[in-house]
Amino acid sequence: MSTKGWSPVFLSGMDYEAQLVCQRLKDADIPAVVLSQRDHAFNLTHGYLAKVCVMVPDELMESARSVLEATPLTDEELEQAALVAKES
């Protein structure tokens, strides 16, 4: 999937994971956006209707991958984000 100069650098079935990744990239001064194709009506978390992508400009793909490899999401971050998402 590519959208006019933007490509996915991270794919998840959960919005909160994608938001964490997006924020991590923005903190590293890499423009990033979340593109959600997730079907929230049925709360699907797998398959085609559960895609949540973090998109970055094509020319920053390698930099984004480097940031994500250097600072992967921790279990604590994911757990906290899941709890916050559940409360919303």
N, C-alpha and C. Protein backbone atom coordinates (compact mmCIF):
# COMPACT_ATOMS: atom_id res chain seq x y z
N MET A 1 0.85 -1.17 0.00
CA MET A 1 0.00 0.00 0.00
C MET A 1 0.89 1.24 0.00
N SER A 2 0.62 2.16 -0.87
CA SER A 2 1.34 3.42 -0.91
C SER A 2 0.35 4.50 -1.29
N THR A 3 0.44 5.63 -0.62
CA THR A 3 -0.50 6.71 -0.87
C THR A 3 0.27 7.99 -1.19
N LYS A 4 0.51 8.22 -2.47
CA LYS A 4 1.15 9.44 -2.98
C LYS A 4 2.31 9.92 -2.11
N GLY A 5 3.37 9.17 -2.10
CA GLY A 5 4.57 9.59 -1.39
C GLY A 5 4.66 9.13 0.05
N TRP A 6 3.65 8.42 0.53
CA TRP A 6 3.65 7.90 1.91
C TRP A 6 3.54 6.38 1.86
N SER A 7 4.26 5.72 2.73
CA SER A 7 4.24 4.26 2.79
C SER A 7 4.11 3.79 4.23
N PRO A 8 3.55 2.59 4.42
CA PRO A 8 3.39 2.08 5.78
C PRO A 8 4.72 1.60 6.36
N VAL A 9 4.95 1.97 7.61
CA VAL A 9 6.15 1.54 8.31
C VAL A 9 5.78 0.61 9.47
N PHE A 10 4.50 0.58 9.83
CA PHE A 10 4.03 -0.26 10.92
C PHE A 10 2.58 -0.63 10.65
N LEU A 11 2.24 -1.88 10.93
CA LEU A 11 0.88 -2.37 10.73
C LEU A 11 0.43 -3.08 11.99
N SER A 12 -0.79 -2.80 12.43
CA SER A 12 -1.33 -3.39 13.64
C SER A 12 -2.82 -3.63 13.47
N GLY A 13 -3.37 -4.35 14.40
CA GLY A 13 -4.81 -4.53 14.45
C GLY A 13 -5.43 -3.67 15.55
N MET A 14 -4.57 -2.94 16.28
CA MET A 14 -5.04 -2.14 17.40
C MET A 14 -4.67 -0.67 17.22
N ASP A 15 -5.64 0.20 17.39
CA ASP A 15 -5.41 1.64 17.24
C ASP A 15 -4.34 2.16 18.19
N TYR A 16 -4.40 1.70 19.45
CA TYR A 16 -3.48 2.26 20.44
C TYR A 16 -2.03 1.93 20.14
N GLU A 17 -1.76 0.76 19.55
CA GLU A 17 -0.39 0.42 19.16
C GLU A 17 0.10 1.38 18.07
N ALA A 18 -0.75 1.60 17.09
CA ALA A 18 -0.38 2.50 16.00
C ALA A 18 -0.17 3.92 16.52
N GLN A 19 -0.99 4.36 17.45
CA GLN A 19 -0.82 5.70 18.02
C GLN A 19 0.51 5.83 18.76
N LEU A 20 0.90 4.79 19.50
CA LEU A 20 2.19 4.80 20.19
C LEU A 20 3.34 4.91 19.20
N VAL A 21 3.29 4.12 18.15
CA VAL A 21 4.34 4.15 17.13
C VAL A 21 4.38 5.50 16.45
N CYS A 22 3.23 6.03 16.11
CA CYS A 22 3.14 7.34 15.46
C CYS A 22 3.77 8.41 16.34
N GLN A 23 3.47 8.39 17.62
CA GLN A 23 4.02 9.39 18.54
C GLN A 23 5.54 9.22 18.68
N ARG A 24 6.00 7.99 18.73
CA ARG A 24 7.45 7.73 18.83
C ARG A 24 8.16 8.33 17.61
N LEU A 25 7.59 8.16 16.43
CA LEU A 25 8.21 8.72 15.22
C LEU A 25 8.16 10.25 15.24
N LYS A 26 7.06 10.81 15.65
CA LYS A 26 6.96 12.27 15.74
C LYS A 26 7.96 12.83 16.74
N ASP A 27 8.17 12.12 17.85
CA ASP A 27 9.16 12.54 18.83
C ASP A 27 10.56 12.56 18.23
N ALA A 28 10.79 11.73 17.21
CA ALA A 28 12.08 11.67 16.51
C ALA A 28 12.08 12.61 15.30
N ASP A 29 11.12 13.52 15.23
CA ASP A 29 10.99 14.49 14.14
C ASP A 29 10.77 13.85 12.77
N ILE A 30 10.06 12.73 12.77
CA ILE A 30 9.67 12.07 11.52
C ILE A 30 8.16 12.23 11.38
N PRO A 31 7.70 12.92 10.35
CA PRO A 31 6.25 13.06 10.16
C PRO A 31 5.60 11.68 10.02
N ALA A 32 4.51 11.49 10.72
CA ALA A 32 3.81 10.20 10.66
C ALA A 32 2.32 10.42 10.88
N VAL A 33 1.53 9.57 10.24
CA VAL A 33 0.08 9.62 10.41
C VAL A 33 -0.44 8.19 10.56
N VAL A 34 -1.58 8.08 11.23
CA VAL A 34 -2.23 6.78 11.39
C VAL A 34 -3.36 6.70 10.38
N LEU A 35 -3.35 5.62 9.62
CA LEU A 35 -4.40 5.35 8.64
C LEU A 35 -5.12 4.10 9.11
N SER A 36 -6.34 4.28 9.59
CA SER A 36 -7.08 3.15 10.14
C SER A 36 -8.14 2.67 9.15
N GLN A 37 -8.11 1.38 8.88
CA GLN A 37 -9.14 0.74 8.08
C GLN A 37 -9.90 -0.25 8.95
N ARG A 38 -9.75 -0.07 10.25
CA ARG A 38 -10.34 -1.00 11.21
C ARG A 38 -11.85 -0.79 11.29
N ASP A 39 -12.58 -1.88 11.28
CA ASP A 39 -14.03 -1.84 11.41
C ASP A 39 -14.38 -1.76 12.89
N HIS A 40 -14.62 -0.56 13.38
CA HIS A 40 -14.89 -0.36 14.80
C HIS A 40 -16.29 -0.82 15.21
N ALA A 41 -17.18 -0.96 14.26
CA ALA A 41 -18.54 -1.39 14.59
C ALA A 41 -18.56 -2.81 15.15
N PHE A 42 -17.67 -3.65 14.63
CA PHE A 42 -17.63 -5.04 15.07
C PHE A 42 -16.39 -5.35 15.90
N ASN A 43 -15.55 -4.34 16.15
CA ASN A 43 -14.35 -4.47 16.97
C ASN A 43 -13.45 -5.61 16.50
N LEU A 44 -13.25 -5.68 15.18
CA LEU A 44 -12.38 -6.71 14.62
C LEU A 44 -10.93 -6.39 14.93
N THR A 45 -10.15 -7.41 15.26
CA THR A 45 -8.73 -7.21 15.58
C THR A 45 -7.81 -8.05 14.71
N HIS A 46 -8.34 -8.66 13.66
CA HIS A 46 -7.50 -9.39 12.72
C HIS A 46 -8.16 -9.41 11.35
N GLY A 47 -7.36 -9.65 10.34
CA GLY A 47 -7.90 -9.70 8.99
C GLY A 47 -7.89 -8.34 8.31
N TYR A 48 -8.42 -8.31 7.10
CA TYR A 48 -8.38 -7.12 6.26
C TYR A 48 -9.09 -5.92 6.90
N LEU A 49 -10.18 -6.16 7.61
CA LEU A 49 -10.94 -5.05 8.20
C LEU A 49 -10.37 -4.57 9.52
N ALA A 50 -9.19 -5.04 9.89
CA ALA A 50 -8.59 -4.63 11.15
C ALA A 50 -7.27 -3.89 10.94
N LYS A 51 -6.98 -3.47 9.72
CA LYS A 51 -5.70 -2.82 9.43
C LYS A 51 -5.64 -1.42 10.01
N VAL A 52 -4.56 -1.17 10.75
CA VAL A 52 -4.24 0.16 11.22
C VAL A 52 -2.76 0.37 10.87
N CYS A 53 -2.50 1.30 9.96
CA CYS A 53 -1.14 1.53 9.47
C CYS A 53 -0.60 2.85 10.00
N VAL A 54 0.70 2.86 10.25
CA VAL A 54 1.39 4.12 10.50
C VAL A 54 2.15 4.42 9.22
N MET A 55 1.88 5.57 8.65
CA MET A 55 2.45 5.97 7.37
C MET A 55 3.48 7.07 7.58
N VAL A 56 4.57 6.98 6.80
CA VAL A 56 5.60 8.01 6.81
C VAL A 56 5.95 8.37 5.37
N PRO A 57 6.54 9.54 5.15
CA PRO A 57 6.97 9.88 3.80
C PRO A 57 7.98 8.86 3.28
N ASP A 58 7.87 8.53 2.00
CA ASP A 58 8.73 7.52 1.39
C ASP A 58 10.21 7.76 1.67
N GLU A 59 10.63 9.02 1.59
CA GLU A 59 12.06 9.31 1.75
C GLU A 59 12.55 9.15 3.19
N LEU A 60 11.63 8.97 4.14
CA LEU A 60 12.01 8.79 5.54
C LEU A 60 11.77 7.37 6.06
N MET A 61 11.47 6.44 5.14
CA MET A 61 11.19 5.06 5.55
C MET A 61 12.34 4.44 6.33
N GLU A 62 13.55 4.57 5.82
CA GLU A 62 14.70 3.95 6.50
C GLU A 62 14.93 4.57 7.87
N SER A 63 14.79 5.88 7.96
CA SER A 63 14.95 6.56 9.25
C SER A 63 13.89 6.09 10.24
N ALA A 64 12.67 5.96 9.77
CA ALA A 64 11.58 5.51 10.63
C ALA A 64 11.82 4.08 11.12
N ARG A 65 12.24 3.22 10.22
CA ARG A 65 12.54 1.84 10.62
C ARG A 65 13.66 1.79 11.65
N SER A 66 14.66 2.63 11.47
CA SER A 66 15.78 2.68 12.42
C SER A 66 15.31 3.11 13.80
N VAL A 67 14.44 4.11 13.85
CA VAL A 67 13.91 4.58 15.13
C VAL A 67 13.12 3.46 15.80
N LEU A 68 12.28 2.78 15.06
CA LEU A 68 11.45 1.72 15.64
C LEU A 68 12.27 0.52 16.08
N GLU A 69 13.32 0.21 15.36
CA GLU A 69 14.19 -0.90 15.76
C GLU A 69 15.02 -0.54 16.99
N ALA A 70 15.44 0.72 17.08
CA ALA A 70 16.27 1.16 18.20
C ALA A 70 15.47 1.28 19.50
N THR A 71 14.19 1.64 19.38
CA THR A 71 13.37 1.82 20.57
C THR A 71 12.03 1.11 20.39
N PRO A 72 12.02 -0.22 20.47
CA PRO A 72 10.75 -0.95 20.29
C PRO A 72 9.78 -0.66 21.44
N LEU A 73 8.51 -0.87 21.16
CA LEU A 73 7.50 -0.68 22.19
C LEU A 73 7.70 -1.70 23.30
N THR A 74 7.54 -1.26 24.53
CA THR A 74 7.69 -2.17 25.66
C THR A 74 6.33 -2.74 26.05
N ASP A 75 6.35 -3.84 26.77
CA ASP A 75 5.10 -4.43 27.25
C ASP A 75 4.36 -3.46 28.17
N GLU A 76 5.11 -2.70 28.96
CA GLU A 76 4.48 -1.74 29.88
C GLU A 76 3.76 -0.64 29.12
N GLU A 77 4.39 -0.14 28.04
CA GLU A 77 3.75 0.90 27.22
C GLU A 77 2.47 0.36 26.59
N LEU A 78 2.54 -0.83 26.05
CA LEU A 78 1.37 -1.43 25.41
C LEU A 78 0.25 -1.68 26.41
N GLU A 79 0.60 -2.17 27.59
CA GLU A 79 -0.40 -2.44 28.61
C GLU A 79 -1.08 -1.15 29.06
N GLN A 80 -0.28 -0.09 29.30
CA GLN A 80 -0.85 1.19 29.72
C GLN A 80 -1.77 1.77 28.63
N ALA A 81 -1.31 1.70 27.38
CA ALA A 81 -2.11 2.22 26.29
C ALA A 81 -3.41 1.44 26.12
N ALA A 82 -3.35 0.13 26.32
CA ALA A 82 -4.56 -0.70 26.22
C ALA A 82 -5.54 -0.34 27.31
N LEU A 83 -5.05 -0.09 28.51
CA LEU A 83 -5.94 0.29 29.62
C LEU A 83 -6.60 1.62 29.35
N VAL A 84 -5.83 2.57 28.85
CA VAL A 84 -6.39 3.90 28.53
C VAL A 84 -7.42 3.78 27.43
N ALA A 85 -7.13 2.99 26.41
CA ALA A 85 -8.07 2.80 25.29
C ALA A 85 -9.35 2.14 25.77
N LYS A 86 -9.23 1.22 26.69
CA LYS A 86 -10.39 0.52 27.20
C LYS A 86 -11.31 1.45 27.99
N GLU A 87 -10.70 2.42 28.69
CA GLU A 87 -11.48 3.37 29.47
C GLU A 87 -12.22 4.37 28.60
N SER A 88 -11.73 4.59 27.38
CA SER A 88 -12.35 5.59 26.48
C SER A 88 -13.65 5.09 25.90
